Amino acid sequence: MFSLIHFLLSLFLILHLTPQPVTCWRPWPTTQTNLTDTPTDLQFGPSKKFEGSSDFVDLKYHMGPVMTTNITVHIIWYGTWHSSQKRIIREFINSISDDSVPPPSVSGWWKTVQLYTDQTGSNISRTVKIGSEKNDRFYSHGKSLTRLSVQSVIKSFITAKTKPLPITPKNGIYLLLTSPEVYVQDFCQQVCGFHYFTFPSIVGYTLPYAWVGNSAKLCPGVCGYPFAVPTYIPGLKPVKAPNGDIGVEGMISVIAHEIAELVTNPLVNAWYAGKDPIAPVEIADLCEGIYGTGGGGSYTGQMLEGRDGATFNVNGIRRRFLIQWVWNHVVNYCTGPNALDQ
């Protein structure tokens, strides 16, 4: 789960006070709720974030399934979206499997994710494609969503009378994207996005899904960082977004974060660090806030700058993007295709 606000708070403390541990958070049903029943509330469990190489990171495989067959991303566009915004997001997802893009590329970033395997030794699929898409321009569940109503939105589209989303529990990702005027529970305060799986008691199926919000109106300095910066950190300057849309480009890194975690830990019983599955630390959590060589603590790492002054670290099919690195369990380090020591 992506929790950039905690990274920014850590940055502030490092610059102005004393170093403090950073806490990541993810949704999980309360211990009082039976998973076979409809949960009435969700709680957060604390987990630590480690930056850079660490012998203390005990990332293990817990024998659960991972996504080893061609991965299909079904997108729900909730709220008002411009066609230009959709193109940016679609192109990022389509770039994951395109090996023809010059390095450093999105597909090069995905190669680290592909290193993860299931109990048979099969690797995460190299193929990620966009499947079906649905639009919800009229906010069918309102402009304020809870964590549970996010699942209800997904249900409404897999059970729609007209062109329902296909039900693909083994290789499908259901990606709910909310527009800037939509608030999701704990958005901006604790999360910029999260992933989980749907409860059969709500949706009828167990489906891996992720939610990511557009922070352009609510908290661009938090979830749109580093293209926007929070006002409580004086002297910190934003960098130029490569595609000219701070809200959407902030979403891109969160989408990358959630997809990487979802394919390696779709049912929260596969790849994660920590002894407590209620608060797993996943492969993107371990590298939160790291975008290049030397990243960690208050530093994002070495990024790239285009001739137009825009900051990025990977090339897509026709665009450039800035996405965070992920944990490489082979070398026990955060890695990315723009690393200076490759």
Protein backbone atom coordinates (compact mmCIF):
# COMPACT_ATOMS: atom_id res chain seq x y z
CA MET A 1 0.00 0.00 0.00
CA PHE A 2 1.24 3.42 -0.85
CA SER A 3 1.52 5.94 2.00
CA LEU A 4 3.54 8.87 0.70
CA ILE A 5 2.41 11.24 3.43
CA HIS A 6 4.48 9.28 5.93
CA PHE A 7 7.54 9.61 3.71
CA LEU A 8 7.05 13.37 3.55
CA LEU A 9 6.60 13.63 7.30
CA SER A 10 9.82 11.66 7.70
CA LEU A 11 11.56 14.07 5.35
CA PHE A 12 10.40 17.00 7.47
CA LEU A 13 11.59 15.38 10.68
CA ILE A 14 14.96 14.51 9.17
CA LEU A 15 15.48 18.05 7.94
CA HIS A 16 14.21 19.88 11.01
CA LEU A 17 14.12 17.56 13.98
CA THR A 18 15.58 14.09 14.55
CA PRO A 19 15.25 10.92 12.48
CA GLN A 20 12.08 8.97 13.14
CA PRO A 21 10.86 5.60 11.91
CA VAL A 22 8.38 5.77 9.05
CA THR A 23 5.11 3.92 9.31
CA CYS A 24 3.26 2.40 6.38
CA TRP A 25 -0.37 1.38 6.58
CA ARG A 26 -2.72 -0.95 4.72
CA PRO A 27 -6.42 -1.88 5.06
CA TRP A 28 -7.30 -5.07 6.87
CA PRO A 29 -10.49 -6.39 8.43
CA THR A 30 -10.77 -5.99 12.17
CA THR A 31 -9.77 -8.96 14.27
CA GLN A 32 -13.32 -9.03 15.62
CA THR A 33 -14.76 -9.57 12.14
CA ASN A 34 -15.05 -13.05 10.70
CA LEU A 35 -13.76 -13.04 7.12
CA THR A 36 -16.77 -15.09 6.04
CA ASP A 37 -19.08 -12.31 7.17
CA THR A 38 -19.47 -8.83 5.77
CA PRO A 39 -16.99 -6.67 7.68
CA THR A 40 -18.38 -3.47 9.12
CA ASP A 41 -15.11 -1.64 9.55
CA LEU A 42 -11.44 -1.79 8.56
CA GLN A 43 -8.42 -1.05 10.67
CA PHE A 44 -4.82 -0.24 9.93
CA GLY A 45 -1.84 -2.19 11.15
CA PRO A 46 1.60 -0.59 11.56
CA SER A 47 4.62 -1.76 9.58
CA LYS A 48 8.13 -0.40 9.09
CA LYS A 49 9.67 0.88 5.88
CA PHE A 50 13.30 0.15 5.12
CA GLU A 51 15.21 2.30 2.64
CA GLY A 52 18.10 1.11 0.55
CA SER A 53 20.01 -2.09 1.28
CA SER A 54 19.31 -3.70 4.61
CA ASP A 55 20.22 -7.01 6.19
CA PHE A 56 17.21 -6.51 8.43
CA VAL A 57 14.68 -6.85 5.61
CA ASP A 58 13.33 -10.36 5.93
CA LEU A 59 11.25 -10.58 2.78
CA LYS A 60 9.86 -14.10 2.47
CA TYR A 61 7.56 -16.11 0.28
CA HIS A 62 4.58 -17.42 2.24
CA MET A 63 3.44 -19.97 -0.38
CA GLY A 64 0.41 -18.07 -1.64
CA PRO A 65 -0.37 -17.54 -5.35
CA VAL A 66 1.23 -14.86 -7.50
CA MET A 67 0.24 -13.76 -11.00
CA THR A 68 2.26 -15.89 -13.43
CA THR A 69 -0.08 -15.85 -16.45
CA ASN A 70 -0.78 -12.88 -18.72
CA ILE A 71 -2.07 -10.08 -16.47
CA THR A 72 -5.14 -8.09 -17.51
CA VAL A 73 -5.93 -4.73 -15.93
CA HIS A 74 -9.63 -3.82 -15.95
CA ILE A 75 -10.06 -0.09 -15.34
CA ILE A 76 -12.99 1.68 -13.71
CA TRP A 77 -12.88 5.44 -14.36
CA TYR A 78 -14.91 6.80 -11.45
CA GLY A 79 -15.95 10.44 -11.82
CA THR A 80 -14.98 12.98 -14.45
CA TRP A 81 -11.93 12.20 -16.58
CA HIS A 82 -10.46 14.01 -19.58
CA SER A 83 -9.40 11.89 -22.54
CA SER A 84 -5.86 13.26 -22.22
CA GLN A 85 -5.66 11.97 -18.63
CA LYS A 86 -6.84 8.53 -19.66
CA ARG A 87 -4.22 8.41 -22.41
CA ILE A 88 -1.38 9.07 -19.94
CA ILE A 89 -2.49 6.25 -17.64
CA ARG A 90 -3.23 3.82 -20.45
CA GLU A 91 0.17 4.45 -22.00
CA PHE A 92 1.94 3.75 -18.72
CA ILE A 93 0.17 0.40 -18.33
CA ASN A 94 0.78 -0.51 -21.98
CA SER A 95 4.47 0.38 -21.56
CA ILE A 96 4.99 -2.32 -18.92
CA SER A 97 5.26 -5.04 -21.56
CA ASP A 98 6.90 -3.05 -24.37
CA ASP A 99 10.55 -4.12 -24.63
CA SER A 100 11.14 -1.93 -27.69
CA VAL A 101 11.34 1.26 -25.59
CA PRO A 102 14.92 2.53 -25.07
CA PRO A 103 16.32 2.27 -21.53
CA PRO A 104 15.68 3.23 -18.86
CA SER A 105 12.19 1.93 -19.59
CA VAL A 106 9.00 0.99 -17.80
CA SER A 107 9.51 -2.60 -18.99
CA GLY A 108 13.01 -2.49 -17.48
CA TRP A 109 11.44 -1.51 -14.16
CA TRP A 110 9.02 -4.45 -14.47
CA LYS A 111 11.91 -6.90 -14.85
CA THR A 112 12.57 -6.57 -11.11
CA VAL A 113 8.95 -7.51 -10.42
CA GLN A 114 9.33 -10.50 -12.74
CA LEU A 115 12.06 -11.93 -10.49
CA TYR A 116 9.40 -13.05 -8.01
CA THR A 117 8.09 -16.61 -8.34
CA ASP A 118 5.45 -18.95 -6.96
CA GLN A 119 6.11 -22.29 -5.27
CA THR A 120 6.56 -24.01 -8.64
CA GLY A 121 9.30 -21.56 -9.64
CA SER A 122 7.13 -19.78 -12.20
CA ASN A 123 7.92 -16.08 -12.54
CA ILE A 124 5.53 -13.15 -12.53
CA SER A 125 4.21 -12.71 -16.06
CA ARG A 126 6.05 -10.30 -18.33
CA THR A 127 2.77 -9.46 -20.07
CA VAL A 128 0.50 -6.78 -18.65
CA LYS A 129 -2.32 -5.50 -20.82
CA ILE A 130 -5.43 -3.38 -20.45
CA GLY A 131 -8.65 -5.35 -20.58
CA SER A 132 -12.13 -3.91 -20.25
CA GLU A 133 -12.85 -0.35 -19.15
CA LYS A 134 -15.95 1.17 -17.57
CA ASN A 135 -16.91 4.79 -16.93
CA ASP A 136 -18.90 6.04 -13.94
CA ARG A 137 -19.36 9.72 -14.81
CA PHE A 138 -22.34 10.16 -12.49
CA TYR A 139 -20.70 8.94 -9.25
CA SER A 140 -23.05 5.98 -8.76
CA HIS A 141 -21.88 5.53 -5.17
CA GLY A 142 -21.43 9.21 -4.38
CA LYS A 143 -18.41 11.47 -4.15
CA SER A 144 -17.29 10.11 -0.80
CA LEU A 145 -16.36 6.43 -0.67
CA THR A 146 -15.46 4.17 2.24
CA ARG A 147 -13.09 1.26 1.92
CA LEU A 148 -16.02 -1.12 1.76
CA SER A 149 -17.95 0.93 -0.77
CA VAL A 150 -14.91 0.69 -3.06
CA GLN A 151 -15.70 -3.01 -3.27
CA SER A 152 -19.34 -2.19 -3.95
CA VAL A 153 -18.31 -0.05 -6.92
CA ILE A 154 -16.40 -3.01 -8.35
CA LYS A 155 -19.39 -5.28 -7.78
CA SER A 156 -21.68 -2.93 -9.70
CA PHE A 157 -19.48 -3.24 -12.78
CA ILE A 158 -18.91 -6.99 -12.76
CA THR A 159 -22.69 -7.46 -12.41
CA ALA A 160 -23.73 -4.71 -14.85
CA LYS A 161 -26.51 -5.67 -17.26
CA THR A 162 -24.66 -4.12 -20.18
CA LYS A 163 -21.10 -5.24 -20.93
CA PRO A 164 -20.09 -6.23 -17.39
CA LEU A 165 -16.43 -6.46 -16.51
CA PRO A 166 -15.13 -10.01 -17.01
CA ILE A 167 -14.54 -12.07 -13.88
CA THR A 168 -10.87 -13.14 -13.94
CA PRO A 169 -9.72 -13.89 -10.37
CA LYS A 170 -6.41 -15.57 -11.27
CA ASN A 171 -4.91 -13.03 -13.66
CA GLY A 172 -7.16 -9.96 -13.47
CA ILE A 173 -6.52 -6.69 -11.67
CA TYR A 174 -9.52 -4.44 -11.05
CA LEU A 175 -8.18 -0.89 -10.96
CA LEU A 176 -10.53 1.72 -9.55
CA LEU A 177 -9.35 5.26 -10.34
CA THR A 178 -11.17 8.18 -8.71
CA SER A 179 -11.18 11.71 -10.12
CA PRO A 180 -10.06 14.81 -8.15
CA GLU A 181 -13.47 15.65 -6.67
CA VAL A 182 -13.89 12.18 -5.12
CA TYR A 183 -12.77 11.50 -1.55
CA VAL A 184 -11.97 7.97 -0.41
CA GLN A 185 -11.67 7.10 3.28
CA ASP A 186 -8.28 8.23 4.66
CA PHE A 187 -7.19 9.68 1.32
CA CYS A 188 -4.44 12.27 1.82
CA GLN A 189 -4.26 11.68 5.58
CA GLN A 190 -2.90 8.13 5.45
CA VAL A 191 -3.05 6.74 1.92
CA CYS A 192 -2.77 7.70 -1.74
CA GLY A 193 -3.86 4.26 -2.87
CA PHE A 194 -4.20 0.69 -1.65
CA HIS A 195 -4.70 -2.83 -2.90
CA TYR A 196 -6.55 -5.78 -1.48
CA PHE A 197 -9.03 -8.45 -2.61
CA THR A 198 -12.81 -8.34 -2.71
CA PHE A 199 -14.88 -10.25 -0.17
CA PRO A 200 -17.29 -12.85 -1.59
CA SER A 201 -19.84 -11.65 0.96
CA ILE A 202 -19.85 -8.24 -0.78
CA VAL A 203 -18.86 -8.87 -4.39
CA GLY A 204 -19.56 -12.57 -4.82
CA TYR A 205 -15.96 -13.34 -5.79
CA THR A 206 -12.41 -12.99 -4.49
CA LEU A 207 -10.85 -10.55 -6.95
CA PRO A 208 -7.53 -8.69 -6.57
CA TYR A 209 -8.13 -4.96 -6.86
CA ALA A 210 -6.46 -1.62 -6.30
CA TRP A 211 -7.72 1.90 -5.75
CA VAL A 212 -5.73 5.04 -6.61
CA GLY A 213 -7.01 8.60 -6.25
CA ASN A 214 -6.26 11.78 -8.18
CA SER A 215 -4.99 14.27 -5.58
CA ALA A 216 -4.99 17.41 -7.77
CA LYS A 217 -7.66 19.17 -5.68
CA LEU A 218 -7.36 17.53 -2.28
CA CYS A 219 -3.63 17.09 -1.59
CA PRO A 220 -1.26 17.52 -4.54
CA GLY A 221 1.64 18.22 -2.17
CA VAL A 222 1.16 14.80 -0.60
CA CYS A 223 0.09 12.33 -3.29
CA GLY A 224 1.42 14.39 -6.22
CA TYR A 225 4.92 14.63 -4.74
CA PRO A 226 7.52 15.52 -6.04
CA PHE A 227 5.58 17.37 -8.76
CA ALA A 228 3.98 19.36 -5.93
CA VAL A 229 5.28 19.81 -2.40
CA PRO A 230 3.55 20.25 0.98
CA THR A 231 3.44 23.75 2.41
CA TYR A 232 4.72 22.58 5.79
CA ILE A 233 8.20 21.89 4.36
CA PRO A 234 9.68 25.33 3.59
CA GLY A 235 12.33 25.59 0.90
CA LEU A 236 11.39 22.35 -0.84
CA LYS A 237 10.78 22.95 -4.55
CA PRO A 238 8.64 20.81 -6.84
CA VAL A 239 10.01 19.28 -10.03
CA LYS A 240 8.41 19.64 -13.45
CA ALA A 241 5.97 16.89 -14.43
CA PRO A 242 6.90 15.26 -17.78
CA ASN A 243 3.31 15.11 -19.06
CA GLY A 244 1.95 18.34 -17.61
CA ASP A 245 -0.67 16.89 -15.26
CA ILE A 246 0.40 16.82 -11.60
CA GLY A 247 -2.61 14.87 -10.38
CA VAL A 248 -2.35 12.12 -12.97
CA GLU A 249 1.43 11.89 -12.84
CA GLY A 250 1.29 11.54 -9.09
CA MET A 251 -1.12 8.67 -9.71
CA ILE A 252 1.27 6.92 -12.10
CA SER A 253 3.83 6.11 -9.39
CA VAL A 254 1.07 4.97 -7.03
CA ILE A 255 -0.42 2.76 -9.77
CA ALA A 256 3.04 1.27 -10.36
CA HIS A 257 3.43 0.71 -6.61
CA GLU A 258 0.07 -1.03 -6.25
CA ILE A 259 0.35 -3.20 -9.37
CA ALA A 260 3.82 -4.41 -8.34
CA GLU A 261 2.50 -5.40 -4.92
CA LEU A 262 -0.73 -6.85 -6.24
CA VAL A 263 0.93 -9.29 -8.65
CA THR A 264 3.44 -10.48 -6.03
CA ASN A 265 0.95 -10.63 -3.15
CA PRO A 266 -2.60 -10.73 -4.57
CA LEU A 267 -4.24 -12.47 -1.60
CA VAL A 268 -1.82 -11.10 1.02
CA ASN A 269 -0.25 -14.53 1.57
CA ALA A 270 2.65 -14.55 -0.89
CA TRP A 271 5.63 -12.14 -0.88
CA TYR A 272 5.97 -9.80 2.09
CA ALA A 273 8.29 -8.94 4.96
CA GLY A 274 7.43 -9.07 8.62
CA LYS A 275 6.08 -11.80 10.84
CA ASP A 276 2.56 -10.42 11.01
CA PRO A 277 0.40 -10.95 7.88
CA ILE A 278 -2.07 -8.40 9.26
CA ALA A 279 0.54 -5.72 8.52
CA PRO A 280 2.64 -7.00 5.62
CA VAL A 281 5.46 -4.88 4.21
CA GLU A 282 5.50 -5.48 0.47
CA ILE A 283 8.03 -5.04 -2.33
CA ALA A 284 7.07 -1.43 -3.10
CA ASP A 285 6.63 -0.41 0.55
CA LEU A 286 10.30 -1.23 1.08
CA CYS A 287 11.36 1.35 -1.51
CA GLU A 288 8.81 4.08 -0.87
CA GLY A 289 10.17 7.48 -1.89
CA ILE A 290 13.16 6.05 -3.81
CA TYR A 291 13.35 6.97 -7.50
CA GLY A 292 17.05 6.60 -8.26
CA THR A 293 20.55 5.75 -7.09
CA GLY A 294 21.31 7.02 -3.60
CA GLY A 295 17.66 7.34 -2.63
CA GLY A 296 16.61 6.89 0.95
CA GLY A 297 15.74 8.96 3.99
CA SER A 298 15.04 12.48 2.77
CA TYR A 299 16.54 11.97 -0.71
CA THR A 300 14.64 10.68 -3.75
CA GLY A 301 17.84 9.57 -5.54
CA GLN A 302 19.32 10.49 -8.90
CA MET A 303 16.55 11.22 -11.38
CA LEU A 304 16.72 12.33 -15.02
CA GLU A 305 15.88 15.69 -16.53
CA GLY A 306 14.69 16.18 -20.10
CA ARG A 307 15.54 19.06 -22.40
CA ASP A 308 12.23 20.62 -21.43
CA GLY A 309 13.27 20.58 -17.76
CA ALA A 310 10.84 17.81 -16.80
CA THR A 311 11.94 15.19 -14.27
CA PHE A 312 11.52 11.47 -14.99
CA ASN A 313 13.28 8.13 -14.50
CA VAL A 314 11.73 5.82 -17.12
CA ASN A 315 10.70 5.99 -20.76
CA GLY A 316 7.31 4.77 -21.91
CA ILE A 317 6.06 4.11 -25.42
CA ARG A 318 5.69 7.79 -26.26
CA ARG A 319 5.98 9.45 -22.86
CA ARG A 320 8.27 9.64 -19.85
CA PHE A 321 7.27 8.81 -16.30
CA LEU A 322 8.56 9.04 -12.75
CA ILE A 323 7.91 5.86 -10.76
CA GLN A 324 9.37 4.55 -7.54
CA TRP A 325 11.75 1.61 -7.40
CA VAL A 326 10.85 -1.81 -5.99
CA TRP A 327 12.69 -4.29 -3.79
CA ASN A 328 14.94 -6.81 -5.55
CA HIS A 329 15.06 -9.90 -3.32
CA VAL A 330 17.96 -11.38 -5.28
CA VAL A 331 20.39 -8.59 -4.35
CA ASN A 332 18.49 -7.49 -1.23
CA TYR A 333 18.24 -3.90 -2.42
CA CYS A 334 15.87 -1.42 -4.07
CA THR A 335 16.56 -1.41 -7.80
CA GLY A 336 15.40 0.39 -10.92
CA PRO A 337 16.35 0.70 -14.60
CA ASN A 338 17.87 4.18 -14.14
CA ALA A 339 20.42 2.98 -11.56
CA LEU A 340 23.83 4.58 -12.13
CA ASP A 341 25.75 1.41 -11.24
CA GLN A 342 24.19 -0.87 -13.87
